[in-house]
Amino acid sequence: MPKRYLIGIDLGSSSTKTSLFDSDGRACGDVTRDNHPHQPQSGVAEYSGPQMLAGAVQAIRQLVEQRGLAPGEVAAISIDGMISGTMGIDAAGEATTPYTTTL
């Protein structure tokens, strides 16, 4: 039976951290990508939903390729995100506004 892996993603206000673990909970690799909010005015931070998604997908791909894993070896992906914020989406789930945070 092939080994199974887990991926955890933390979408933070300054970076997205993506880590790979084996099924025994051992860390097998990680990737960190910077997040840079757009600040149209003082006290406002906006993030691009499509850019955050693309960064997470790229990090997953990088970890899987670094370890030479087949996609079927990834048993689960878990994701968490920044503290309270809002992003509008349409009926297809596409972003219609930036993600804004109260940070």
PDB file of N, CA and C in Angstrom:
ATOM      1  N   MET A   1       0.853  -1.177   0.000  1.00  0.00           N
ATOM      2  CA  MET A   1       0.000   0.000   0.000  1.00  0.00           C
ATOM      3  C   MET A   1       0.903   1.246   0.000  1.00  0.00           C
ATOM      4  N   PRO A   2       0.667   2.185  -0.931  1.00  0.00           N
ATOM      5  CA  PRO A   2       1.509   3.379  -0.997  1.00  0.00           C
ATOM      6  C   PRO A   2       1.291   4.277   0.227  1.00  0.00           C
ATOM      7  N   LYS A   3       2.323   4.993   0.573  1.00  0.00           N
ATOM      8  CA  LYS A   3       2.236   5.937   1.686  1.00  0.00           C
ATOM      9  C   LYS A   3       1.271   7.059   1.312  1.00  0.00           C
ATOM     10  N   ARG A   4       0.555   7.569   2.299  1.00  0.00           N
ATOM     11  CA  ARG A   4      -0.394   8.662   2.067  1.00  0.00           C
ATOM     12  C   ARG A   4       0.137   9.919   2.742  1.00  0.00           C
ATOM     13  N   TYR A   5      -0.212  11.068   2.182  1.00  0.00           N
ATOM     14  CA  TYR A   5       0.278  12.350   2.673  1.00  0.00           C
ATOM     15  C   TYR A   5      -0.870  13.311   2.920  1.00  0.00           C
ATOM     16  N   LEU A   6      -0.615  14.280   3.775  1.00  0.00           N
ATOM     17  CA  LEU A   6      -1.581  15.318   4.130  1.00  0.00           C
ATOM     18  C   LEU A   6      -0.944  16.669   3.840  1.00  0.00           C
ATOM     19  N   ILE A   7      -1.752  17.614   3.369  1.00  0.00           N
ATOM     20  CA  ILE A   7      -1.270  18.965   3.099  1.00  0.00           C
ATOM     21  C   ILE A   7      -2.086  19.940   3.931  1.00  0.00           C
ATOM     22  N   GLY A   8      -1.390  20.844   4.606  1.00  0.00           N
ATOM     23  CA  GLY A   8      -2.030  21.903   5.375  1.00  0.00           C
ATOM     24  C   GLY A   8      -1.636  23.258   4.805  1.00  0.00           C
ATOM     25  N   ILE A   9      -2.613  24.141   4.667  1.00  0.00           N
ATOM     26  CA  ILE A   9      -2.378  25.475   4.112  1.00  0.00           C
ATOM     27  C   ILE A   9      -2.902  26.509   5.090  1.00  0.00           C
ATOM     28  N   ASP A  10      -2.067  27.491   5.409  1.00  0.00           N
ATOM     29  CA  ASP A  10      -2.451  28.609   6.274  1.00  0.00           C
ATOM     30  C   ASP A  10      -2.340  29.894   5.461  1.00  0.00           C
ATOM     31  N   LEU A  11      -3.496  30.445   5.080  1.00  0.00           N
ATOM     32  CA  LEU A  11      -3.533  31.721   4.353  1.00  0.00           C
ATOM     33  C   LEU A  11      -3.476  32.842   5.377  1.00  0.00           C
ATOM     34  N   GLY A  12      -2.299  33.401   5.585  1.00  0.00           N
ATOM     35  CA  GLY A  12      -2.127  34.446   6.576  1.00  0.00           C
ATOM     36  C   GLY A  12      -2.096  35.833   5.950  1.00  0.00           C
ATOM     37  N   SER A  13      -2.039  36.833   6.802  1.00  0.00           N
ATOM     38  CA  SER A  13      -2.069  38.215   6.316  1.00  0.00           C
ATOM     39  C   SER A  13      -0.764  38.643   5.660  1.00  0.00           C
ATOM     40  N   SER A  14       0.350  37.980   5.980  1.00  0.00           N
ATOM     41  CA  SER A  14       1.622  38.345   5.361  1.00  0.00           C
ATOM     42  C   SER A  14       2.206  37.237   4.486  1.00  0.00           C
ATOM     43  N   SER A  15       1.754  35.991   4.686  1.00  0.00           N
ATOM     44  CA  SER A  15       2.252  34.897   3.858  1.00  0.00           C
ATOM     45  C   SER A  15       1.276  33.725   3.877  1.00  0.00           C
ATOM     46  N   THR A  16       1.425  32.874   2.878  1.00  0.00           N
ATOM     47  CA  THR A  16       0.704  31.609   2.829  1.00  0.00           C
ATOM     48  C   THR A  16       1.723  30.518   3.082  1.00  0.00           C
ATOM     49  N   LYS A  17       1.474  29.745   4.127  1.00  0.00           N
ATOM     50  CA  LYS A  17       2.379  28.659   4.495  1.00  0.00           C
ATOM     51  C   LYS A  17       1.700  27.335   4.145  1.00  0.00           C
ATOM     52  N   THR A  18       2.397  26.507   3.375  1.00  0.00           N
ATOM     53  CA  THR A  18       1.855  25.230   2.931  1.00  0.00           C
ATOM     54  C   THR A  18       2.828  24.134   3.360  1.00  0.00           C
ATOM     55  N   SER A  19       2.320  23.124   4.072  1.00  0.00           N
ATOM     56  CA  SER A  19       3.178  22.065   4.601  1.00  0.00           C
ATOM     57  C   SER A  19       2.654  20.693   4.211  1.00  0.00           C
ATOM     58  N   LEU A  20       3.597  19.784   4.017  1.00  0.00           N
ATOM     59  CA  LEU A  20       3.296  18.394   3.664  1.00  0.00           C
ATOM     60  C   LEU A  20       3.692  17.501   4.837  1.00  0.00           C
ATOM     61  N   PHE A  21       2.805  16.576   5.204  1.00  0.00           N
ATOM     62  CA  PHE A  21       3.049  15.638   6.293  1.00  0.00           C
ATOM     63  C   PHE A  21       2.765  14.231   5.802  1.00  0.00           C
ATOM     64  N   ASP A  22       3.520  13.260   6.341  1.00  0.00           N
ATOM     65  CA  ASP A  22       3.168  11.879   6.024  1.00  0.00           C
ATOM     66  C   ASP A  22       2.047  11.439   6.972  1.00  0.00           C
ATOM     67  N   SER A  23       1.523  10.248   6.752  1.00  0.00           N
ATOM     68  CA  SER A  23       0.364   9.798   7.536  1.00  0.00           C
ATOM     69  C   SER A  23       0.711   9.517   8.998  1.00  0.00           C
ATOM     70  N   ASP A  24       1.996   9.524   9.326  1.00  0.00           N
ATOM     71  CA  ASP A  24       2.422   9.388  10.717  1.00  0.00           C
ATOM     72  C   ASP A  24       2.611  10.750  11.381  1.00  0.00           C
ATOM     73  N   GLY A  25       2.311  11.827  10.646  1.00  0.00           N
ATOM     74  CA  GLY A  25       2.402  13.173  11.201  1.00  0.00           C
ATOM     75  C   GLY A  25       3.775  13.814  11.095  1.00  0.00           C
ATOM     76  N   ARG A  26       4.696  13.176  10.394  1.00  0.00           N
ATOM     77  CA  ARG A  26       6.032  13.749  10.229  1.00  0.00           C
ATOM     78  C   ARG A  26       6.042  14.777   9.109  1.00  0.00           C
ATOM     79  N   ALA A  27       6.667  15.939   9.366  1.00  0.00           N
ATOM     80  CA  ALA A  27       6.791  16.984   8.348  1.00  0.00           C
ATOM     81  C   ALA A  27       7.710  16.507   7.234  1.00  0.00           C
ATOM     82  N   CYS A  28       7.266  16.707   5.992  1.00  0.00           N
ATOM     83  CA  CYS A  28       8.025  16.245   4.828  1.00  0.00           C
ATOM     84  C   CYS A  28       8.426  17.392   3.905  1.00  0.00           C
ATOM     85  N   GLY A  29       7.984  18.588   4.189  1.00  0.00           N
ATOM     86  CA  GLY A  29       8.334  19.732   3.350  1.00  0.00           C
ATOM     87  C   GLY A  29       7.384  20.878   3.573  1.00  0.00           C
ATOM     88  N   ASP A  30       7.831  22.067   3.216  1.00  0.00           N
ATOM     89  CA  ASP A  30       6.950  23.237   3.306  1.00  0.00           C
ATOM     90  C   ASP A  30       7.376  24.293   2.309  1.00  0.00           C
ATOM     91  N   VAL A  31       6.422  25.131   1.986  1.00  0.00           N
ATOM     92  CA  VAL A  31       6.610  26.244   1.058  1.00  0.00           C
ATOM     93  C   VAL A  31       5.931  27.462   1.674  1.00  0.00           C
ATOM     94  N   THR A  32       6.606  28.603   1.639  1.00  0.00           N
ATOM     95  CA  THR A  32       6.015  29.854   2.113  1.00  0.00           C
ATOM     96  C   THR A  32       6.014  30.852   0.968  1.00  0.00           C
ATOM     97  N   ARG A  33       4.879  31.484   0.748  1.00  0.00           N
ATOM     98  CA  ARG A  33       4.743  32.512  -0.292  1.00  0.00           C
ATOM     99  C   ARG A  33       4.225  33.791   0.346  1.00  0.00           C
ATOM    100  N   ASP A  34       4.817  34.898  -0.029  1.00  0.00           N
ATOM    101  CA  ASP A  34       4.397  36.193   0.506  1.00  0.00           C
ATOM    102  C   ASP A  34       3.004  36.565   0.023  1.00  0.00           C
ATOM    103  N   ASN A  35       2.230  37.184   0.900  1.00  0.00           N
ATOM    104  CA  ASN A  35       0.957  37.825   0.547  1.00  0.00           C
ATOM    105  C   ASN A  35       1.159  39.321   0.727  1.00  0.00           C
ATOM    106  N   HIS A  36       0.857  40.084  -0.285  1.00  0.00           N
ATOM    107  CA  HIS A  36       0.997  41.533  -0.187  1.00  0.00           C
ATOM    108  C   HIS A  36      -0.364  42.179  -0.424  1.00  0.00           C
ATOM    109  N   PRO A  37      -0.961  42.736   0.621  1.00  0.00           N
ATOM    110  CA  PRO A  37      -2.260  43.381   0.414  1.00  0.00           C
ATOM    111  C   PRO A  37      -2.113  44.688  -0.341  1.00  0.00           C
ATOM    112  N   HIS A  38      -3.147  45.025  -1.039  1.00  0.00           N
ATOM    113  CA  HIS A  38      -3.276  46.348  -1.650  1.00  0.00           C
ATOM    114  C   HIS A  38      -3.897  47.232  -0.573  1.00  0.00           C
ATOM    115  N   GLN A  39      -3.333  48.400  -0.341  1.00  0.00           N
ATOM    116  CA  GLN A  39      -3.866  49.303   0.680  1.00  0.00           C
ATOM    117  C   GLN A  39      -4.293  50.610   0.016  1.00  0.00           C
ATOM    118  N   PRO A  40      -5.562  50.659  -0.457  1.00  0.00           N
ATOM    119  CA  PRO A  40      -6.041  51.839  -1.182  1.00  0.00           C
ATOM    120  C   PRO A  40      -6.158  53.084  -0.301  1.00  0.00           C
ATOM    121  N   GLN A  41      -6.236  52.877   1.008  1.00  0.00           N
ATOM    122  CA  GLN A  41      -6.272  54.004   1.949  1.00  0.00           C
ATOM    123  C   GLN A  41      -5.836  53.496   3.313  1.00  0.00           C
ATOM    124  N   SER A  42      -5.525  54.405   4.186  1.00  0.00           N
ATOM    125  CA  SER A  42      -5.083  54.035   5.522  1.00  0.00           C
ATOM    126  C   SER A  42      -6.151  53.192   6.221  1.00  0.00           C
ATOM    127  N   GLY A  43      -5.722  52.094   6.832  1.00  0.00           N
ATOM    128  CA  GLY A  43      -6.643  51.243   7.577  1.00  0.00           C
ATOM    129  C   GLY A  43      -7.394  50.233   6.734  1.00  0.00           C
ATOM    130  N   VAL A  44      -7.099  50.152   5.432  1.00  0.00           N
ATOM    131  CA  VAL A  44      -7.788  49.209   4.544  1.00  0.00           C
ATOM    132  C   VAL A  44      -6.755  48.275   3.918  1.00  0.00           C
ATOM    133  N   ALA A  45      -7.014  46.984   4.011  1.00  0.00           N
ATOM    134  CA  ALA A  45      -6.155  45.982   3.375  1.00  0.00           C
ATOM    135  C   ALA A  45      -7.037  45.091   2.504  1.00  0.00           C
ATOM    136  N   GLU A  46      -6.683  44.990   1.237  1.00  0.00           N
ATOM    137  CA  GLU A  46      -7.436  44.166   0.295  1.00  0.00           C
ATOM    138  C   GLU A  46      -6.503  43.117  -0.307  1.00  0.00           C
ATOM    139  N   TYR A  47      -7.010  41.894  -0.419  1.00  0.00           N
ATOM    140  CA  TYR A  47      -6.259  40.799  -1.023  1.00  0.00           C
ATOM    141  C   TYR A  47      -7.045  40.289  -2.225  1.00  0.00           C
ATOM    142  N   SER A  48      -6.338  39.867  -3.246  1.00  0.00           N
ATOM    143  CA  SER A  48      -6.963  39.294  -4.430  1.00  0.00           C
ATOM    144  C   SER A  48      -7.272  37.822  -4.177  1.00  0.00           C
ATOM    145  N   GLY A  49      -8.548  37.471  -4.191  1.00  0.00           N
ATOM    146  CA  GLY A  49      -8.941  36.070  -4.027  1.00  0.00           C
ATOM    147  C   GLY A  49      -8.302  35.170  -5.074  1.00  0.00           C
ATOM    148  N   PRO A  50      -8.364  35.542  -6.358  1.00  0.00           N
ATOM    149  CA  PRO A  50      -7.725  34.705  -7.379  1.00  0.00           C
ATOM    150  C   PRO A  50      -6.212  34.551  -7.165  1.00  0.00           C
ATOM    151  N   GLN A  51      -5.540  35.601  -6.701  1.00  0.00           N
ATOM    152  CA  GLN A  51      -4.097  35.495  -6.437  1.00  0.00           C
ATOM    153  C   GLN A  51      -3.824  34.583  -5.246  1.00  0.00           C
ATOM    154  N   MET A  52      -4.643  34.675  -4.193  1.00  0.00           N
ATOM    155  CA  MET A  52      -4.455  33.785  -3.039  1.00  0.00           C
ATOM    156  C   MET A  52      -4.668  32.328  -3.446  1.00  0.00           C
ATOM    157  N   LEU A  53      -5.705  32.075  -4.239  1.00  0.00           N
ATOM    158  CA  LEU A  53      -5.973  30.715  -4.709  1.00  0.00           C
ATOM    159  C   LEU A  53      -4.822  30.211  -5.573  1.00  0.00           C
ATOM    160  N   ALA A  54      -4.360  31.033  -6.513  1.00  0.00           N
ATOM    161  CA  ALA A  54      -3.259  30.627  -7.394  1.00  0.00           C
ATOM    162  C   ALA A  54      -2.001  30.325  -6.585  1.00  0.00           C
ATOM    163  N   GLY A  55      -1.708  31.127  -5.566  1.00  0.00           N
ATOM    164  CA  GLY A  55      -0.538  30.883  -4.726  1.00  0.00           C
ATOM    165  C   GLY A  55      -0.628  29.567  -3.977  1.00  0.00           C
ATOM    166  N   ALA A  56      -1.809  29.251  -3.461  1.00  0.00           N
ATOM    167  CA  ALA A  56      -2.004  27.985  -2.752  1.00  0.00           C
ATOM    168  C   ALA A  56      -1.859  26.804  -3.707  1.00  0.00           C
ATOM    169  N   VAL A  57      -2.435  26.905  -4.891  1.00  0.00           N
ATOM    170  CA  VAL A  57      -2.339  25.828  -5.887  1.00  0.00           C
ATOM    171  C   VAL A  57      -0.882  25.626  -6.308  1.00  0.00           C
ATOM    172  N   GLN A  58      -0.155  26.724  -6.533  1.00  0.00           N
ATOM    173  CA  GLN A  58       1.259  26.624  -6.914  1.00  0.00           C
ATOM    174  C   GLN A  58       2.083  25.967  -5.803  1.00  0.00           C
ATOM    175  N   ALA A  59       1.789  26.318  -4.554  1.00  0.00           N
ATOM    176  CA  ALA A  59       2.525  25.733  -3.428  1.00  0.00           C
ATOM    177  C   ALA A  59       2.244  24.236  -3.314  1.00  0.00           C
ATOM    178  N   ILE A  60       0.995  23.829  -3.485  1.00  0.00           N
ATOM    179  CA  ILE A  60       0.655  22.404  -3.464  1.00  0.00           C
ATOM    180  C   ILE A  60       1.418  21.683  -4.560  1.00  0.00           C
ATOM    181  N   ARG A  61       1.364  22.237  -5.768  1.00  0.00           N
ATOM    182  CA  ARG A  61       2.052  21.618  -6.907  1.00  0.00           C
ATOM    183  C   ARG A  61       3.555  21.485  -6.622  1.00  0.00           C
ATOM    184  N   GLN A  62       4.162  22.539  -6.059  1.00  0.00           N
ATOM    185  CA  GLN A  62       5.588  22.523  -5.758  1.00  0.00           C
ATOM    186  C   GLN A  62       5.926  21.421  -4.752  1.00  0.00           C
ATOM    187  N   LEU A  63       5.141  21.301  -3.693  1.00  0.00           N
ATOM    188  CA  LEU A  63       5.397  20.258  -2.694  1.00  0.00           C
ATOM    189  C   LEU A  63       5.257  18.860  -3.288  1.00  0.00           C
ATOM    190  N   VAL A  64       4.216  18.645  -4.055  1.00  0.00           N
ATOM    191  CA  VAL A  64       3.972  17.328  -4.653  1.00  0.00           C
ATOM    192  C   VAL A  64       5.107  16.973  -5.620  1.00  0.00           C
ATOM    193  N   GLU A  65       5.529  17.947  -6.427  1.00  0.00           N
ATOM    194  CA  GLU A  65       6.604  17.688  -7.387  1.00  0.00           C
ATOM    195  C   GLU A  65       7.944  17.480  -6.683  1.00  0.00           C
ATOM    196  N   GLN A  66       8.229  18.264  -5.629  1.00  0.00           N
ATOM    197  CA  GLN A  66       9.486  18.105  -4.891  1.00  0.00           C
ATOM    198  C   GLN A  66       9.625  16.698  -4.321  1.00  0.00           C
ATOM    199  N   ARG A  67       8.534  16.156  -3.839  1.00  0.00           N
ATOM    200  CA  ARG A  67       8.557  14.822  -3.230  1.00  0.00           C
ATOM    201  C   ARG A  67       8.329  13.710  -4.249  1.00  0.00           C
ATOM    202  N   GLY A  68       8.009  14.070  -5.499  1.00  0.00           N
ATOM    203  CA  GLY A  68       7.756  13.064  -6.525  1.00  0.00           C
ATOM    204  C   GLY A  68       6.502  12.249  -6.266  1.00  0.00           C
ATOM    205  N   LEU A  69       5.489  12.900  -5.692  1.00  0.00           N
ATOM    206  CA  LEU A  69       4.246  12.198  -5.346  1.00  0.00           C
ATOM    207  C   LEU A  69       3.293  12.148  -6.531  1.00  0.00           C
ATOM    208  N   ALA A  70       2.531  11.080  -6.578  1.00  0.00           N
ATOM    209  CA  ALA A  70       1.392  11.012  -7.493  1.00  0.00           C
ATOM    210  C   ALA A  70       0.230  11.709  -6.782  1.00  0.00           C
ATOM    211  N   PRO A  71      -0.629  12.415  -7.504  1.00  0.00           N
ATOM    212  CA  PRO A  71      -1.738  13.106  -6.843  1.00  0.00           C
ATOM    213  C   PRO A  71      -2.570  12.196  -5.933  1.00  0.00           C
ATOM    214  N   GLY A  72      -2.720  10.928  -6.282  1.00  0.00           N
ATOM    215  CA  GLY A  72      -3.491   9.998  -5.469  1.00  0.00           C
ATOM    216  C   GLY A  72      -2.859   9.670  -4.124  1.00  0.00           C
ATOM    217  N   GLU A  73      -1.599  10.042  -3.937  1.00  0.00           N
ATOM    218  CA  GLU A  73      -0.937   9.804  -2.655  1.00  0.00           C
ATOM    219  C   GLU A  73      -1.307  10.866  -1.618  1.00  0.00           C
ATOM    220  N   VAL A  74      -1.933  11.951  -2.059  1.00  0.00           N
ATOM    221  CA  VAL A  74      -2.387  12.994  -1.133  1.00  0.00           C
ATOM    222  C   VAL A  74      -3.783  12.603  -0.656  1.00  0.00           C
ATOM    223  N   ALA A  75      -3.871  12.279   0.636  1.00  0.00           N
ATOM    224  CA  ALA A  75      -5.135  11.806   1.200  1.00  0.00           C
ATOM    225  C   ALA A  75      -6.084  12.950   1.543  1.00  0.00           C
ATOM    226  N   ALA A  76      -5.528  14.098   1.949  1.00  0.00           N
ATOM    227  CA  ALA A  76      -6.389  15.209   2.365  1.00  0.00           C
ATOM    228  C   ALA A  76      -5.626  16.523   2.296  1.00  0.00           C
ATOM    229  N   ILE A  77      -6.385  17.590   2.096  1.00  0.00           N
ATOM    230  CA  ILE A  77      -5.863  18.952   2.124  1.00  0.00           C
ATOM    231  C   ILE A  77      -6.745  19.745   3.077  1.00  0.00           C
ATOM    232  N   SER A  78      -6.110  20.451   4.008  1.00  0.00           N
ATOM    233  CA  SER A  78      -6.838  21.282   4.964  1.00  0.00           C
ATOM    234  C   SER A  78      -6.362  22.718   4.793  1.00  0.00           C
ATOM    235  N   ILE A  79      -7.282  23.655   4.925  1.00  0.00           N
ATOM    236  CA  ILE A  79      -6.929  25.052   4.725  1.00  0.00           C
ATOM    237  C   ILE A  79      -7.586  25.906   5.798  1.00  0.00           C
ATOM    238  N   ASP A  80      -6.848  26.890   6.279  1.00  0.00           N
ATOM    239  CA  ASP A  80      -7.433  27.884   7.171  1.00  0.00           C
ATOM    240  C   ASP A  80      -7.008  29.250   6.669  1.00  0.00           C
ATOM    241  N   GLY A  81      -7.694  30.258   7.150  1.00  0.00           N
ATOM    242  CA  GLY A  81      -7.426  31.591   6.633  1.00  0.00           C
ATOM    243  C   GLY A  81      -7.411  32.649   7.697  1.00  0.00           C
ATOM    244  N   MET A  82      -7.212  33.848   7.212  1.00  0.00           N
ATOM    245  CA  MET A  82      -7.120  35.011   8.086  1.00  0.00           C
ATOM    246  C   MET A  82      -8.365  35.182   8.931  1.00  0.00           C
ATOM    247  N   ILE A  83      -8.147  35.832  10.015  1.00  0.00           N
ATOM    248  CA  ILE A  83      -9.215  36.225  10.914  1.00  0.00           C
ATOM    249  C   ILE A  83     -10.216  37.108  10.145  1.00  0.00           C
ATOM    250  N   SER A  84     -11.409  37.161  10.542  1.00  0.00           N
ATOM    251  CA  SER A  84     -12.546  37.860   9.958  1.00  0.00           C
ATOM    252  C   SER A  84     -12.259  38.744   8.751  1.00  0.00           C
ATOM    253  N   GLY A  85     -13.007  38.478   7.714  1.00  0.00           N
ATOM    254  CA  GLY A  85     -12.912  39.254   6.487  1.00  0.00           C
ATOM    255  C   GLY A  85     -14.086  38.952   5.588  1.00  0.00           C
ATOM    256  N   THR A  86     -14.142  39.639   4.468  1.00  0.00           N
ATOM    257  CA  THR A  86     -15.267  39.501   3.549  1.00  0.00           C
ATOM    258  C   THR A  86     -14.771  39.510   2.109  1.00  0.00           C
ATOM    259  N   MET A  87     -15.384  38.651   1.267  1.00  0.00           N
ATOM    260  CA  MET A  87     -15.123  38.666  -0.170  1.00  0.00           C
ATOM    261  C   MET A  87     -16.421  38.286  -0.864  1.00  0.00           C
ATOM    262  N   GLY A  88     -16.837  39.097  -1.796  1.00  0.00           N
ATOM    263  CA  GLY A  88     -18.034  38.784  -2.569  1.00  0.00           C
ATOM    264  C   GLY A  88     -17.737  37.722  -3.604  1.00  0.00           C
ATOM    265  N   ILE A  89     -18.696  36.817  -3.820  1.00  0.00           N
ATOM    266  CA  ILE A  89     -18.582  35.811  -4.878  1.00  0.00           C
ATOM    267  C   ILE A  89     -19.883  35.758  -5.664  1.00  0.00           C
ATOM    268  N   ASP A  90     -19.771  35.304  -6.905  1.00  0.00           N
ATOM    269  CA  ASP A  90     -20.973  35.178  -7.730  1.00  0.00           C
ATOM    270  C   ASP A  90     -21.522  33.754  -7.641  1.00  0.00           C
ATOM    271  N   ALA A  91     -22.563  33.464  -8.418  1.00  0.00           N
ATOM    272  CA  ALA A  91     -23.227  32.160  -8.361  1.00  0.00           C
ATOM    273  C   ALA A  91     -22.295  31.014  -8.744  1.00  0.00           C
ATOM    274  N   ALA A  92     -21.241  31.305  -9.516  1.00  0.00           N
ATOM    275  CA  ALA A  92     -20.284  30.273  -9.921  1.00  0.00           C
ATOM    276  C   ALA A  92     -19.134  30.142  -8.929  1.00  0.00           C
ATOM    277  N   GLY A  93     -19.167  30.933  -7.851  1.00  0.00           N
ATOM    278  CA  GLY A  93     -18.103  30.878  -6.854  1.00  0.00           C
ATOM    279  C   GLY A  93     -16.888  31.715  -7.186  1.00  0.00           C
ATOM    280  N   GLU A  94     -16.993  32.572  -8.192  1.00  0.00           N
ATOM    281  CA  GLU A  94     -15.882  33.441  -8.598  1.00  0.00           C
ATOM    282  C   GLU A  94     -15.908  34.735  -7.794  1.00  0.00           C
ATOM    283  N   ALA A  95     -14.719  35.226  -7.433  1.00  0.00           N
ATOM    284  CA  ALA A  95     -14.627  36.460  -6.658  1.00  0.00           C
ATOM    285  C   ALA A  95     -15.150  37.650  -7.454  1.00  0.00           C
ATOM    286  N   THR A  96     -15.969  38.469  -6.785  1.00  0.00           N
ATOM    287  CA  THR A  96     -16.471  39.701  -7.403  1.00  0.00           C
ATOM    288  C   THR A  96     -15.917  40.928  -6.709  1.00  0.00           C
ATOM    289  N   THR A  97     -15.295  40.737  -5.558  1.00  0.00           N
ATOM    290  CA  THR A  97     -14.659  41.820  -4.817  1.00  0.00           C
ATOM    291  C   THR A  97     -13.349  41.297  -4.251  1.00  0.00           C
ATOM    292  N   PRO A  98     -12.457  42.177  -3.838  1.00  0.00           N
ATOM    293  CA  PRO A  98     -11.265  41.704  -3.129  1.00  0.00           C
ATOM    294  C   PRO A  98     -11.683  41.166  -1.749  1.00  0.00           C
ATOM    295  N   TYR A  99     -10.795  40.373  -1.156  1.00  0.00           N
ATOM    296  CA  TYR A  99     -10.979  39.946   0.230  1.00  0.00           C
ATOM    297  C   TYR A  99     -10.510  41.125   1.092  1.00  0.00           C
ATOM    298  N   THR A 100     -11.375  41.626   1.926  1.00  0.00           N
ATOM    299  CA  THR A 100     -10.998  42.697   2.840  1.00  0.00           C
ATOM    300  C   THR A 100     -11.017  42.153   4.252  1.00  0.00           C
ATOM    301  N   THR A 101     -10.077  42.589   5.038  1.00  0.00           N
ATOM    302  CA  THR A 101      -9.944  42.086   6.402  1.00  0.00           C
ATOM    303  C   THR A 101     -10.032  43.213   7.401  1.00  0.00           C
ATOM    304  N   THR A 102     -10.432  42.872   8.610  1.00  0.00           N
ATOM    305  CA  THR A 102     -10.528  43.869   9.672  1.00  0.00           C
ATOM    306  C   THR A 102      -9.201  44.046  10.388  1.00  0.00           C
ATOM    307  N   LEU A 103      -8.143  43.320   9.918  1.00  0.00           N
ATOM    308  CA  LEU A 103      -6.845  43.423  10.590  1.00  0.00           C
ATOM    309  C   LEU A 103      -6.334  44.825  10.493  1.00  0.00           C
TER     310      LEU A 103
END
